[in-house]
């Protein structure tokens, strides 16, 4: 299950980086938010995904969903 979540997040982040026209960012922001919600991320990570989806191409190179899933599945559980 962890690997499946990570692969989905990586695929969506890759699509986010490769979409070039700035007009697609209008539809990309809610899509990133929806994927973050489906992946079960918390509200702050959903807000980060929404913000990352709204950024124009030179600034959206950070894979927010991938980093959030890695944090949730691998880092956060080791902290407890």
PDB file of N, CA and C in Angstrom:
ATOM      1  N   UNK A   1       0.827  -1.200   0.000  1.00  0.00           N
ATOM      2  CA  UNK A   1       0.000   0.000   0.000  1.00  0.00           C
ATOM      3  C   UNK A   1       0.866   1.257   0.000  1.00  0.00           C
ATOM      4  N   UNK A   2       1.967   1.222   0.776  1.00  0.00           N
ATOM      5  CA  UNK A   2       2.847   2.384   0.819  1.00  0.00           C
ATOM      6  C   UNK A   2       3.462   2.661  -0.539  1.00  0.00           C
ATOM      7  N   UNK A   3       3.887   1.605  -1.213  1.00  0.00           N
ATOM      8  CA  UNK A   3       4.503   1.770  -2.529  1.00  0.00           C
ATOM      9  C   UNK A   3       3.491   2.299  -3.540  1.00  0.00           C
ATOM     10  N   UNK A   4       2.254   1.825  -3.462  1.00  0.00           N
ATOM     11  CA  UNK A   4       1.203   2.287  -4.370  1.00  0.00           C
ATOM     12  C   UNK A   4       0.936   3.776  -4.173  1.00  0.00           C
ATOM     13  N   UNK A   5       0.855   4.213  -2.910  1.00  0.00           N
ATOM     14  CA  UNK A   5       0.664   5.651  -2.625  1.00  0.00           C
ATOM     15  C   UNK A   5       1.826   6.473  -3.155  1.00  0.00           C
ATOM     16  N   UNK A   6       3.041   5.946  -2.971  1.00  0.00           N
ATOM     17  CA  UNK A   6       4.225   6.670  -3.427  1.00  0.00           C
ATOM     18  C   UNK A   6       4.256   6.773  -4.950  1.00  0.00           C
ATOM     19  N   UNK A   7       3.897   5.697  -5.640  1.00  0.00           N
ATOM     20  CA  UNK A   7       3.882   5.724  -7.112  1.00  0.00           C
ATOM     21  C   UNK A   7       2.829   6.692  -7.651  1.00  0.00           C
ATOM     22  N   UNK A   8       1.668   6.740  -7.017  1.00  0.00           N
ATOM     23  CA  UNK A   8       0.631   7.699  -7.435  1.00  0.00           C
ATOM     24  C   UNK A   8       1.126   9.124  -7.242  1.00  0.00           C
ATOM     25  N   UNK A   9       1.711   9.407  -6.090  1.00  0.00           N
ATOM     26  CA  UNK A   9       2.213  10.754  -5.812  1.00  0.00           C
ATOM     27  C   UNK A   9       3.313  11.141  -6.801  1.00  0.00           C
ATOM     28  N   UNK A  10       4.211  10.212  -7.107  1.00  0.00           N
ATOM     29  CA  UNK A  10       5.290  10.508  -8.048  1.00  0.00           C
ATOM     30  C   UNK A  10       4.741  10.771  -9.445  1.00  0.00           C
ATOM     31  N   UNK A  11       3.751  10.004  -9.872  1.00  0.00           N
ATOM     32  CA  UNK A  11       3.169  10.187 -11.199  1.00  0.00           C
ATOM     33  C   UNK A  11       2.466  11.542 -11.315  1.00  0.00           C
ATOM     34  N   UNK A  12       1.733  11.928 -10.278  1.00  0.00           N
ATOM     35  CA  UNK A  12       1.020  13.211 -10.314  1.00  0.00           C
ATOM     36  C   UNK A  12       2.013  14.370 -10.265  1.00  0.00           C
ATOM     37  N   UNK A  13       3.069  14.242  -9.467  1.00  0.00           N
ATOM     38  CA  UNK A  13       4.085  15.297  -9.420  1.00  0.00           C
ATOM     39  C   UNK A  13       4.826  15.417 -10.751  1.00  0.00           C
ATOM     40  N   UNK A  14       5.101  14.303 -11.378  1.00  0.00           N
ATOM     41  CA  UNK A  14       5.759  14.345 -12.688  1.00  0.00           C
ATOM     42  C   UNK A  14       4.860  15.020 -13.717  1.00  0.00           C
ATOM     43  N   UNK A  15       3.590  14.698 -13.686  1.00  0.00           N
ATOM     44  CA  UNK A  15       2.638  15.358 -14.586  1.00  0.00           C
ATOM     45  C   UNK A  15       2.559  16.849 -14.288  1.00  0.00           C
ATOM     46  N   UNK A  16       2.607  17.215 -13.025  1.00  0.00           N
ATOM     47  CA  UNK A  16       2.571  18.624 -12.619  1.00  0.00           C
ATOM     48  C   UNK A  16       3.782  19.379 -13.165  1.00  0.00           C
ATOM     49  N   UNK A  17       4.932  18.748 -13.139  1.00  0.00           N
ATOM     50  CA  UNK A  17       6.150  19.404 -13.629  1.00  0.00           C
ATOM     51  C   UNK A  17       6.154  19.522 -15.148  1.00  0.00           C
ATOM     52  N   UNK A  18       5.619  18.518 -15.836  1.00  0.00           N
ATOM     53  CA  UNK A  18       5.713  18.484 -17.301  1.00  0.00           C
ATOM     54  C   UNK A  18       4.638  19.289 -18.017  1.00  0.00           C
ATOM     55  N   UNK A  19       3.595  19.717 -17.327  1.00  0.00           N
ATOM     56  CA  UNK A  19       2.537  20.505 -17.962  1.00  0.00           C
ATOM     57  C   UNK A  19       3.034  21.937 -18.086  1.00  0.00           C
ATOM     58  N   UNK A  20       3.162  22.424 -19.322  1.00  0.00           N
ATOM     59  CA  UNK A  20       3.809  23.711 -19.552  1.00  0.00           C
ATOM     60  C   UNK A  20       2.884  24.919 -19.655  1.00  0.00           C
ATOM     61  N   UNK A  21       1.758  24.867 -20.358  1.00  0.00           N
ATOM     62  CA  UNK A  21       0.975  26.102 -20.489  1.00  0.00           C
ATOM     63  C   UNK A  21       0.448  26.592 -19.136  1.00  0.00           C
ATOM     64  N   UNK A  22       0.595  27.864 -18.840  1.00  0.00           N
ATOM     65  CA  UNK A  22       0.154  28.377 -17.541  1.00  0.00           C
ATOM     66  C   UNK A  22      -1.356  28.348 -17.349  1.00  0.00           C
ATOM     67  N   UNK A  23      -2.119  28.227 -18.427  1.00  0.00           N
ATOM     68  CA  UNK A  23      -3.572  28.178 -18.275  1.00  0.00           C
ATOM     69  C   UNK A  23      -4.022  26.873 -17.640  1.00  0.00           C
ATOM     70  N   UNK A  24      -3.209  25.826 -17.716  1.00  0.00           N
ATOM     71  CA  UNK A  24      -3.603  24.563 -17.116  1.00  0.00           C
ATOM     72  C   UNK A  24      -3.428  24.576 -15.602  1.00  0.00           C
ATOM     73  N   UNK A  25      -2.720  25.562 -15.061  1.00  0.00           N
ATOM     74  CA  UNK A  25      -2.552  25.639 -13.618  1.00  0.00           C
ATOM     75  C   UNK A  25      -3.871  25.893 -12.905  1.00  0.00           C
ATOM     76  N   UNK A  26      -4.844  26.481 -13.604  1.00  0.00           N
ATOM     77  CA  UNK A  26      -6.156  26.728 -13.001  1.00  0.00           C
ATOM     78  C   UNK A  26      -6.843  25.402 -12.683  1.00  0.00           C
ATOM     79  N   UNK A  27      -6.744  24.446 -13.572  1.00  0.00           N
ATOM     80  CA  UNK A  27      -7.326  23.131 -13.317  1.00  0.00           C
ATOM     81  C   UNK A  27      -6.408  22.215 -12.545  1.00  0.00           C
ATOM     82  N   UNK A  28      -5.146  22.532 -12.561  1.00  0.00           N
ATOM     83  CA  UNK A  28      -4.164  21.682 -11.905  1.00  0.00           C
ATOM     84  C   UNK A  28      -4.220  21.808 -10.380  1.00  0.00           C
ATOM     85  N   UNK A  29      -4.507  22.975  -9.873  1.00  0.00           N
ATOM     86  CA  UNK A  29      -4.550  23.201  -8.426  1.00  0.00           C
ATOM     87  C   UNK A  29      -5.622  22.345  -7.746  1.00  0.00           C
ATOM     88  N   UNK A  30      -6.872  22.352  -8.230  1.00  0.00           N
ATOM     89  CA  UNK A  30      -7.869  21.480  -7.581  1.00  0.00           C
ATOM     90  C   UNK A  30      -7.564  19.994  -7.766  1.00  0.00           C
ATOM     91  N   UNK A  31      -6.941  19.649  -8.885  1.00  0.00           N
ATOM     92  CA  UNK A  31      -6.586  18.243  -9.110  1.00  0.00           C
ATOM     93  C   UNK A  31      -5.529  17.785  -8.107  1.00  0.00           C
ATOM     94  N   UNK A  32      -4.536  18.632  -7.850  1.00  0.00           N
ATOM     95  CA  UNK A  32      -3.509  18.292  -6.857  1.00  0.00           C
ATOM     96  C   UNK A  32      -4.132  18.176  -5.461  1.00  0.00           C
ATOM     97  N   UNK A  33      -5.052  19.068  -5.150  1.00  0.00           N
ATOM     98  CA  UNK A  33      -5.746  19.020  -3.859  1.00  0.00           C
ATOM     99  C   UNK A  33      -6.553  17.731  -3.731  1.00  0.00           C
ATOM    100  N   UNK A  34      -7.235  17.349  -4.807  1.00  0.00           N
ATOM    101  CA  UNK A  34      -8.047  16.135  -4.797  1.00  0.00           C
ATOM    102  C   UNK A  34      -7.177  14.894  -4.617  1.00  0.00           C
ATOM    103  N   UNK A  35      -6.054  14.835  -5.296  1.00  0.00           N
ATOM    104  CA  UNK A  35      -5.153  13.688  -5.156  1.00  0.00           C
ATOM    105  C   UNK A  35      -4.591  13.630  -3.737  1.00  0.00           C
ATOM    106  N   UNK A  36      -4.239  14.777  -3.166  1.00  0.00           N
ATOM    107  CA  UNK A  36      -3.745  14.800  -1.787  1.00  0.00           C
ATOM    108  C   UNK A  36      -4.821  14.314  -0.820  1.00  0.00           C
ATOM    109  N   UNK A  37      -6.057  14.670  -1.094  1.00  0.00           N
ATOM    110  CA  UNK A  37      -7.168  14.212  -0.265  1.00  0.00           C
ATOM    111  C   UNK A  37      -7.371  12.706  -0.413  1.00  0.00           C
ATOM    112  N   UNK A  38      -7.303  12.204  -1.631  1.00  0.00           N
ATOM    113  CA  UNK A  38      -7.464  10.764  -1.879  1.00  0.00           C
ATOM    114  C   UNK A  38      -6.336   9.972  -1.217  1.00  0.00           C
ATOM    115  N   UNK A  39      -5.130  10.521  -1.236  1.00  0.00           N
ATOM    116  CA  UNK A  39      -4.005   9.837  -0.610  1.00  0.00           C
ATOM    117  C   UNK A  39      -4.067   9.873   0.918  1.00  0.00           C
ATOM    118  N   UNK A  40      -4.991  10.630   1.465  1.00  0.00           N
ATOM    119  CA  UNK A  40      -5.184  10.671   2.913  1.00  0.00           C
ATOM    120  C   UNK A  40      -4.198  11.566   3.644  1.00  0.00           C
ATOM    121  N   UNK A  41      -3.692  12.577   2.969  1.00  0.00           N
ATOM    122  CA  UNK A  41      -2.753  13.490   3.606  1.00  0.00           C
ATOM    123  C   UNK A  41      -3.510  14.472   4.492  1.00  0.00           C
ATOM    124  N   UNK A  42      -2.817  15.049   5.461  1.00  0.00           N
ATOM    125  CA  UNK A  42      -3.498  15.976   6.370  1.00  0.00           C
ATOM    126  C   UNK A  42      -3.748  17.323   5.688  1.00  0.00           C
ATOM    127  N   UNK A  43      -4.452  18.202   6.380  1.00  0.00           N
ATOM    128  CA  UNK A  43      -4.922  19.442   5.758  1.00  0.00           C
ATOM    129  C   UNK A  43      -3.786  20.381   5.342  1.00  0.00           C
ATOM    130  N   UNK A  44      -2.714  20.434   6.106  1.00  0.00           N
ATOM    131  CA  UNK A  44      -1.585  21.287   5.730  1.00  0.00           C
ATOM    132  C   UNK A  44      -0.929  20.780   4.443  1.00  0.00           C
ATOM    133  N   UNK A  45      -0.777  19.490   4.322  1.00  0.00           N
ATOM    134  CA  UNK A  45      -0.189  18.924   3.108  1.00  0.00           C
ATOM    135  C   UNK A  45      -1.129  19.088   1.914  1.00  0.00           C
ATOM    136  N   UNK A  46      -2.430  19.050   2.148  1.00  0.00           N
ATOM    137  CA  UNK A  46      -3.383  19.314   1.073  1.00  0.00           C
ATOM    138  C   UNK A  46      -3.279  20.757   0.598  1.00  0.00           C
ATOM    139  N   UNK A  47      -3.110  21.678   1.541  1.00  0.00           N
ATOM    140  CA  UNK A  47      -2.945  23.089   1.194  1.00  0.00           C
ATOM    141  C   UNK A  47      -1.648  23.310   0.414  1.00  0.00           C
ATOM    142  N   UNK A  48      -0.581  22.628   0.802  1.00  0.00           N
ATOM    143  CA  UNK A  48       0.679  22.723   0.058  1.00  0.00           C
ATOM    144  C   UNK A  48       0.519  22.184  -1.360  1.00  0.00           C
ATOM    145  N   UNK A  49      -0.207  21.084  -1.518  1.00  0.00           N
ATOM    146  CA  UNK A  49      -0.446  20.522  -2.843  1.00  0.00           C
ATOM    147  C   UNK A  49      -1.278  21.480  -3.697  1.00  0.00           C
ATOM    148  N   UNK A  50      -2.267  22.114  -3.089  1.00  0.00           N
ATOM    149  CA  UNK A  50      -3.090  23.098  -3.801  1.00  0.00           C
ATOM    150  C   UNK A  50      -2.239  24.275  -4.261  1.00  0.00           C
ATOM    151  N   UNK A  51      -1.368  24.752  -3.389  1.00  0.00           N
ATOM    152  CA  UNK A  51      -0.487  25.865  -3.733  1.00  0.00           C
ATOM    153  C   UNK A  51       0.498  25.471  -4.818  1.00  0.00           C
ATOM    154  N   UNK A  52       1.051  24.273  -4.726  1.00  0.00           N
ATOM    155  CA  UNK A  52       1.988  23.798  -5.739  1.00  0.00           C
ATOM    156  C   UNK A  52       1.306  23.659  -7.096  1.00  0.00           C
ATOM    157  N   UNK A  53       0.061  23.221  -7.100  1.00  0.00           N
ATOM    158  CA  UNK A  53      -0.673  23.103  -8.359  1.00  0.00           C
ATOM    159  C   UNK A  53      -0.966  24.442  -8.994  1.00  0.00           C
ATOM    160  N   UNK A  54      -1.081  25.492  -8.188  1.00  0.00           N
ATOM    161  CA  UNK A  54      -1.400  26.823  -8.716  1.00  0.00           C
ATOM    162  C   UNK A  54      -0.172  27.585  -9.192  1.00  0.00           C
ATOM    163  N   UNK A  55       1.016  27.130  -8.817  1.00  0.00           N
ATOM    164  CA  UNK A  55       2.228  27.843  -9.221  1.00  0.00           C
ATOM    165  C   UNK A  55       2.524  27.645 -10.699  1.00  0.00           C
ATOM    166  N   UNK A  56       3.054  28.667 -11.361  1.00  0.00           N
ATOM    167  CA  UNK A  56       3.431  28.524 -12.767  1.00  0.00           C
ATOM    168  C   UNK A  56       4.678  27.648 -12.911  1.00  0.00           C
ATOM    169  N   UNK A  57       4.936  27.132 -14.110  1.00  0.00           N
ATOM    170  CA  UNK A  57       5.995  26.144 -14.328  1.00  0.00           C
ATOM    171  C   UNK A  57       7.391  26.444 -13.802  1.00  0.00           C
ATOM    172  N   UNK A  58       7.925  27.626 -13.823  1.00  0.00           N
ATOM    173  CA  UNK A  58       9.291  27.728 -13.292  1.00  0.00           C
ATOM    174  C   UNK A  58       9.380  27.474 -11.794  1.00  0.00           C
ATOM    175  N   UNK A  59       8.282  27.595 -11.078  1.00  0.00           N
ATOM    176  CA  UNK A  59       8.314  27.501  -9.624  1.00  0.00           C
ATOM    177  C   UNK A  59       7.754  26.193  -9.066  1.00  0.00           C
ATOM    178  N   UNK A  60       7.158  25.366  -9.905  1.00  0.00           N
ATOM    179  CA  UNK A  60       6.527  24.154  -9.373  1.00  0.00           C
ATOM    180  C   UNK A  60       7.388  22.906  -9.571  1.00  0.00           C
ATOM    181  N   UNK A  61       8.676  23.048  -9.367  1.00  0.00           N
ATOM    182  CA  UNK A  61       9.568  21.907  -9.566  1.00  0.00           C
ATOM    183  C   UNK A  61       9.715  21.051  -8.310  1.00  0.00           C
ATOM    184  N   UNK A  62       9.187  21.493  -7.184  1.00  0.00           N
ATOM    185  CA  UNK A  62       9.272  20.723  -5.943  1.00  0.00           C
ATOM    186  C   UNK A  62       8.159  19.667  -5.944  1.00  0.00           C
ATOM    187  N   UNK A  63       8.505  18.400  -5.783  1.00  0.00           N
ATOM    188  CA  UNK A  63       7.476  17.336  -5.773  1.00  0.00           C
ATOM    189  C   UNK A  63       6.775  17.255  -4.414  1.00  0.00           C
ATOM    190  N   UNK A  64       5.805  18.109  -4.206  1.00  0.00           N
ATOM    191  CA  UNK A  64       5.161  18.241  -2.904  1.00  0.00           C
ATOM    192  C   UNK A  64       4.437  16.963  -2.487  1.00  0.00           C
ATOM    193  N   UNK A  65       3.682  16.350  -3.396  1.00  0.00           N
ATOM    194  CA  UNK A  65       2.950  15.139  -3.034  1.00  0.00           C
ATOM    195  C   UNK A  65       3.900  13.997  -2.686  1.00  0.00           C
ATOM    196  N   UNK A  66       4.956  13.847  -3.461  1.00  0.00           N
ATOM    197  CA  UNK A  66       5.914  12.774  -3.199  1.00  0.00           C
ATOM    198  C   UNK A  66       6.582  12.970  -1.849  1.00  0.00           C
ATOM    199  N   UNK A  67       7.013  14.176  -1.557  1.00  0.00           N
ATOM    200  CA  UNK A  67       7.644  14.443  -0.274  1.00  0.00           C
ATOM    201  C   UNK A  67       6.670  14.254   0.885  1.00  0.00           C
ATOM    202  N   UNK A  68       5.417  14.619   0.684  1.00  0.00           N
ATOM    203  CA  UNK A  68       4.415  14.444   1.738  1.00  0.00           C
ATOM    204  C   UNK A  68       4.154  12.973   2.024  1.00  0.00           C
ATOM    205  N   UNK A  69       4.059  12.162   0.977  1.00  0.00           N
ATOM    206  CA  UNK A  69       3.826  10.731   1.175  1.00  0.00           C
ATOM    207  C   UNK A  69       5.041  10.074   1.830  1.00  0.00           C
ATOM    208  N   UNK A  70       6.246  10.452   1.418  1.00  0.00           N
ATOM    209  CA  UNK A  70       7.450   9.911   2.050  1.00  0.00           C
ATOM    210  C   UNK A  70       7.466  10.281   3.531  1.00  0.00           C
ATOM    211  N   UNK A  71       7.123  11.513   3.838  1.00  0.00           N
ATOM    212  CA  UNK A  71       7.079  11.937   5.239  1.00  0.00           C
ATOM    213  C   UNK A  71       6.040  11.135   6.024  1.00  0.00           C
ATOM    214  N   UNK A  72       4.834  11.008   5.471  1.00  0.00           N
ATOM    215  CA  UNK A  72       3.760  10.301   6.173  1.00  0.00           C
ATOM    216  C   UNK A  72       4.095   8.828   6.391  1.00  0.00           C
ATOM    217  N   UNK A  73       4.621   8.162   5.366  1.00  0.00           N
ATOM    218  CA  UNK A  73       4.794   6.714   5.432  1.00  0.00           C
ATOM    219  C   UNK A  73       6.115   6.269   6.053  1.00  0.00           C
ATOM    220  N   UNK A  74       7.153   7.064   5.924  1.00  0.00           N
ATOM    221  CA  UNK A  74       8.459   6.591   6.339  1.00  0.00           C
ATOM    222  C   UNK A  74       9.093   7.397   7.484  1.00  0.00           C
ATOM    223  N   UNK A  75       8.902   8.698   7.521  1.00  0.00           N
ATOM    224  CA  UNK A  75       9.563   9.528   8.520  1.00  0.00           C
ATOM    225  C   UNK A  75       8.710   9.700   9.766  1.00  0.00           C
ATOM    226  N   UNK A  76       7.443  10.017   9.587  1.00  0.00           N
ATOM    227  CA  UNK A  76       6.565  10.334  10.703  1.00  0.00           C
ATOM    228  C   UNK A  76       6.406   9.155  11.660  1.00  0.00           C
ATOM    229  N   UNK A  77       6.331   7.945  11.138  1.00  0.00           N
ATOM    230  CA  UNK A  77       6.146   6.772  11.984  1.00  0.00           C
ATOM    231  C   UNK A  77       7.403   6.428  12.779  1.00  0.00           C
ATOM    232  N   UNK A  78       8.556   6.833  12.282  1.00  0.00           N
ATOM    233  CA  UNK A  78       9.798   6.565  12.999  1.00  0.00           C
ATOM    234  C   UNK A  78      10.023   7.563  14.131  1.00  0.00           C
ATOM    235  N   UNK A  79       9.362   8.727  14.062  1.00  0.00           N
ATOM    236  CA  UNK A  79       9.524   9.743  15.094  1.00  0.00           C
ATOM    237  C   UNK A  79       8.852   9.347  16.401  1.00  0.00           C
ATOM    238  N   UNK A  80       7.798   8.549  16.321  1.00  0.00           N
ATOM    239  CA  UNK A  80       7.022   8.190  17.532  1.00  0.00           C
ATOM    240  C   UNK A  80       7.743   7.192  18.389  1.00  0.00           C
TER     241      UNK A  80
END
